[in-house]
Amino acid sequence: MKGPQAGRMRALSQLSWWLIRAQFKTRRAATLLSMLAIALGVALGYAIHLINDAALSDFSRAMKSVQGDPDAVIA
């Protein structure tokens, strides 16, 4: 990115880090617990997504197995 948008992104990034550092200096335990809670939430969301995909895949495989495809076709 170049131009004014890059400058805004850089300023926003610097402001974010400044706020995080200020919060961390004054409320260390609360900030760490908040970061941990956010990380756990993201990890749990991703785990649920993976479990859902695996369950759908297994269900699809089971349905194909029950439905069955013929081994030979007589024409």
N, C-alpha and C. Protein backbone atom coordinates (compact mmCIF):
# COMPACT_ATOMS: atom_id res chain seq x y z
N MET A 1 0.83 -1.18 0.00
CA MET A 1 0.00 0.00 0.00
C MET A 1 0.87 1.24 0.00
N LYS A 2 0.42 2.19 -0.75
CA LYS A 2 1.15 3.45 -0.80
C LYS A 2 0.15 4.58 -0.66
N GLY A 3 0.66 5.72 -0.31
CA GLY A 3 -0.19 6.90 -0.24
C GLY A 3 -0.85 7.09 1.11
N PRO A 4 -1.95 7.83 1.11
CA PRO A 4 -2.60 8.19 2.37
C PRO A 4 -3.17 6.98 3.12
N GLN A 5 -3.60 5.96 2.38
CA GLN A 5 -4.17 4.80 3.05
C GLN A 5 -3.10 4.06 3.85
N ALA A 6 -1.90 3.98 3.32
CA ALA A 6 -0.80 3.33 4.04
C ALA A 6 -0.46 4.12 5.29
N GLY A 7 -0.49 5.43 5.20
CA GLY A 7 -0.22 6.27 6.37
C GLY A 7 -1.27 6.08 7.45
N ARG A 8 -2.52 5.96 7.05
CA ARG A 8 -3.60 5.74 8.02
C ARG A 8 -3.47 4.37 8.68
N MET A 9 -3.11 3.37 7.89
CA MET A 9 -2.94 2.03 8.44
C MET A 9 -1.79 2.01 9.44
N ARG A 10 -0.70 2.67 9.11
CA ARG A 10 0.45 2.74 10.00
C ARG A 10 0.09 3.47 11.29
N ALA A 11 -0.65 4.57 11.17
CA ALA A 11 -1.05 5.34 12.35
C ALA A 11 -1.99 4.52 13.22
N LEU A 12 -2.90 3.79 12.61
CA LEU A 12 -3.83 2.96 13.37
C LEU A 12 -3.08 1.84 14.09
N SER A 13 -2.10 1.27 13.41
CA SER A 13 -1.30 0.21 14.02
C SER A 13 -0.51 0.75 15.21
N GLN A 14 0.10 1.91 15.04
CA GLN A 14 0.86 2.52 16.14
C GLN A 14 -0.06 2.87 17.31
N LEU A 15 -1.23 3.39 17.03
CA LEU A 15 -2.18 3.72 18.08
C LEU A 15 -2.62 2.46 18.82
N SER A 16 -2.87 1.40 18.08
CA SER A 16 -3.29 0.14 18.70
C SER A 16 -2.21 -0.38 19.65
N TRP A 17 -0.96 -0.38 19.18
CA TRP A 17 0.12 -0.86 20.05
C TRP A 17 0.32 0.06 21.25
N TRP A 18 0.15 1.34 21.07
CA TRP A 18 0.29 2.28 22.18
C TRP A 18 -0.78 2.00 23.24
N LEU A 19 -2.02 1.77 22.80
CA LEU A 19 -3.11 1.49 23.73
C LEU A 19 -2.90 0.15 24.44
N ILE A 20 -2.45 -0.85 23.71
CA ILE A 20 -2.20 -2.16 24.32
C ILE A 20 -1.10 -2.05 25.37
N ARG A 21 -0.01 -1.35 25.05
CA ARG A 21 1.08 -1.18 26.03
C ARG A 21 0.62 -0.41 27.26
N ALA A 22 -0.17 0.64 27.05
CA ALA A 22 -0.65 1.43 28.19
C ALA A 22 -1.56 0.58 29.07
N GLN A 23 -2.42 -0.19 28.45
CA GLN A 23 -3.32 -1.07 29.22
C GLN A 23 -2.52 -2.13 29.95
N PHE A 24 -1.50 -2.67 29.30
CA PHE A 24 -0.68 -3.73 29.90
C PHE A 24 0.09 -3.20 31.10
N LYS A 25 0.58 -1.97 31.02
CA LYS A 25 1.34 -1.40 32.13
C LYS A 25 0.46 -1.19 33.36
N THR A 26 -0.78 -0.76 33.15
CA THR A 26 -1.63 -0.44 34.30
C THR A 26 -2.39 -1.64 34.82
N ARG A 27 -2.81 -2.53 33.94
CA ARG A 27 -3.63 -3.68 34.36
C ARG A 27 -3.08 -4.95 33.72
N ARG A 28 -1.93 -5.38 34.20
CA ARG A 28 -1.22 -6.50 33.59
C ARG A 28 -2.04 -7.79 33.61
N ALA A 29 -2.55 -8.17 34.77
CA ALA A 29 -3.28 -9.45 34.89
C ALA A 29 -4.56 -9.43 34.05
N ALA A 30 -5.30 -8.35 34.11
CA ALA A 30 -6.55 -8.27 33.35
C ALA A 30 -6.28 -8.32 31.85
N THR A 31 -5.22 -7.66 31.40
CA THR A 31 -4.89 -7.66 29.98
C THR A 31 -4.48 -9.06 29.53
N LEU A 32 -3.66 -9.73 30.32
CA LEU A 32 -3.23 -11.08 29.96
C LEU A 32 -4.42 -12.05 29.94
N LEU A 33 -5.30 -11.93 30.92
CA LEU A 33 -6.48 -12.79 30.94
C LEU A 33 -7.41 -12.51 29.76
N SER A 34 -7.53 -11.25 29.39
CA SER A 34 -8.35 -10.91 28.22
C SER A 34 -7.75 -11.49 26.95
N MET A 35 -6.43 -11.37 26.79
CA MET A 35 -5.78 -11.93 25.61
C MET A 35 -5.93 -13.45 25.58
N LEU A 36 -5.79 -14.09 26.75
CA LEU A 36 -5.96 -15.53 26.83
C LEU A 36 -7.39 -15.94 26.47
N ALA A 37 -8.37 -15.19 26.97
CA ALA A 37 -9.77 -15.49 26.67
C ALA A 37 -10.06 -15.35 25.18
N ILE A 38 -9.50 -14.33 24.55
CA ILE A 38 -9.69 -14.14 23.11
C ILE A 38 -9.05 -15.28 22.33
N ALA A 39 -7.82 -15.66 22.72
CA ALA A 39 -7.13 -16.76 22.04
C ALA A 39 -7.89 -18.07 22.20
N LEU A 40 -8.41 -18.33 23.40
CA LEU A 40 -9.19 -19.55 23.62
C LEU A 40 -10.48 -19.54 22.81
N GLY A 41 -11.12 -18.39 22.72
CA GLY A 41 -12.34 -18.29 21.93
C GLY A 41 -12.09 -18.57 20.46
N VAL A 42 -11.01 -18.03 19.93
CA VAL A 42 -10.67 -18.28 18.52
C VAL A 42 -10.34 -19.75 18.32
N ALA A 43 -9.57 -20.33 19.25
CA ALA A 43 -9.20 -21.75 19.14
C ALA A 43 -10.44 -22.64 19.22
N LEU A 44 -11.37 -22.32 20.11
CA LEU A 44 -12.59 -23.12 20.22
C LEU A 44 -13.46 -22.99 18.97
N GLY A 45 -13.54 -21.81 18.42
CA GLY A 45 -14.30 -21.62 17.19
C GLY A 45 -13.71 -22.44 16.05
N TYR A 46 -12.39 -22.44 15.94
CA TYR A 46 -11.72 -23.22 14.89
C TYR A 46 -11.91 -24.72 15.13
N ALA A 47 -11.83 -25.14 16.40
CA ALA A 47 -12.03 -26.55 16.73
C ALA A 47 -13.44 -27.00 16.36
N ILE A 48 -14.42 -26.18 16.65
CA ILE A 48 -15.81 -26.51 16.29
C ILE A 48 -15.95 -26.62 14.78
N HIS A 49 -15.30 -25.73 14.06
CA HIS A 49 -15.33 -25.78 12.59
C HIS A 49 -14.74 -27.10 12.09
N LEU A 50 -13.59 -27.50 12.65
CA LEU A 50 -12.95 -28.75 12.23
C LEU A 50 -13.80 -29.96 12.58
N ILE A 51 -14.39 -29.96 13.78
CA ILE A 51 -15.24 -31.08 14.19
C ILE A 51 -16.46 -31.17 13.29
N ASN A 52 -17.04 -30.04 12.95
CA ASN A 52 -18.22 -30.03 12.07
C ASN A 52 -17.86 -30.59 10.70
N ASP A 53 -16.73 -30.17 10.15
CA ASP A 53 -16.31 -30.70 8.85
C ASP A 53 -16.09 -32.21 8.90
N ALA A 54 -15.45 -32.68 9.98
CA ALA A 54 -15.19 -34.12 10.12
C ALA A 54 -16.49 -34.89 10.25
N ALA A 55 -17.43 -34.37 11.03
CA ALA A 55 -18.71 -35.05 11.21
C ALA A 55 -19.49 -35.12 9.90
N LEU A 56 -19.51 -34.03 9.15
CA LEU A 56 -20.21 -34.04 7.86
C LEU A 56 -19.56 -35.01 6.88
N SER A 57 -18.25 -35.07 6.90
CA SER A 57 -17.53 -35.99 6.02
C SER A 57 -17.84 -37.44 6.39
N ASP A 58 -17.80 -37.76 7.69
CA ASP A 58 -18.11 -39.12 8.13
C ASP A 58 -19.56 -39.48 7.82
N PHE A 59 -20.48 -38.55 8.03
CA PHE A 59 -21.88 -38.82 7.74
C PHE A 59 -22.08 -39.08 6.25
N SER A 60 -21.42 -38.30 5.43
CA SER A 60 -21.53 -38.48 3.98
C SER A 60 -20.97 -39.85 3.58
N ARG A 61 -19.84 -40.22 4.16
CA ARG A 61 -19.23 -41.51 3.87
C ARG A 61 -20.15 -42.65 4.32
N ALA A 62 -20.76 -42.50 5.50
CA ALA A 62 -21.68 -43.53 6.00
C ALA A 62 -22.90 -43.66 5.10
N MET A 63 -23.43 -42.55 4.64
CA MET A 63 -24.60 -42.60 3.75
C MET A 63 -24.26 -43.29 2.44
N LYS A 64 -23.09 -43.03 1.90
CA LYS A 64 -22.67 -43.70 0.67
C LYS A 64 -22.51 -45.20 0.90
N SER A 65 -22.01 -45.56 2.09
CA SER A 65 -21.82 -46.97 2.42
C SER A 65 -23.16 -47.67 2.56
N VAL A 66 -24.12 -47.04 3.22
CA VAL A 66 -25.45 -47.64 3.41
C VAL A 66 -26.21 -47.70 2.10
N GLN A 67 -26.12 -46.64 1.33
CA GLN A 67 -26.83 -46.58 0.05
C GLN A 67 -26.23 -47.60 -0.91
N GLY A 68 -24.95 -47.67 -0.90
CA GLY A 68 -24.24 -48.66 -1.70
C GLY A 68 -24.23 -48.36 -3.19
N ASP A 69 -23.17 -48.71 -3.81
CA ASP A 69 -23.03 -48.64 -5.26
C ASP A 69 -22.86 -50.07 -5.75
N PRO A 70 -23.42 -50.40 -6.88
CA PRO A 70 -23.30 -51.78 -7.37
C PRO A 70 -21.86 -52.10 -7.76
N ASP A 71 -21.49 -53.35 -7.47
CA ASP A 71 -20.15 -53.79 -7.85
C ASP A 71 -20.07 -54.10 -9.34
N ALA A 72 -21.19 -54.57 -9.88
CA ALA A 72 -21.22 -54.90 -11.31
C ALA A 72 -22.58 -54.48 -11.87
N VAL A 73 -22.58 -54.08 -13.11
CA VAL A 73 -23.81 -53.68 -13.78
C VAL A 73 -23.98 -54.56 -15.02
N ILE A 74 -25.16 -55.18 -15.12
CA ILE A 74 -25.44 -56.02 -16.29
C ILE A 74 -26.23 -55.19 -17.28
N ALA A 75 -25.69 -55.07 -18.48
CA ALA A 75 -26.36 -54.24 -19.47
C ALA A 75 -27.06 -55.06 -20.50
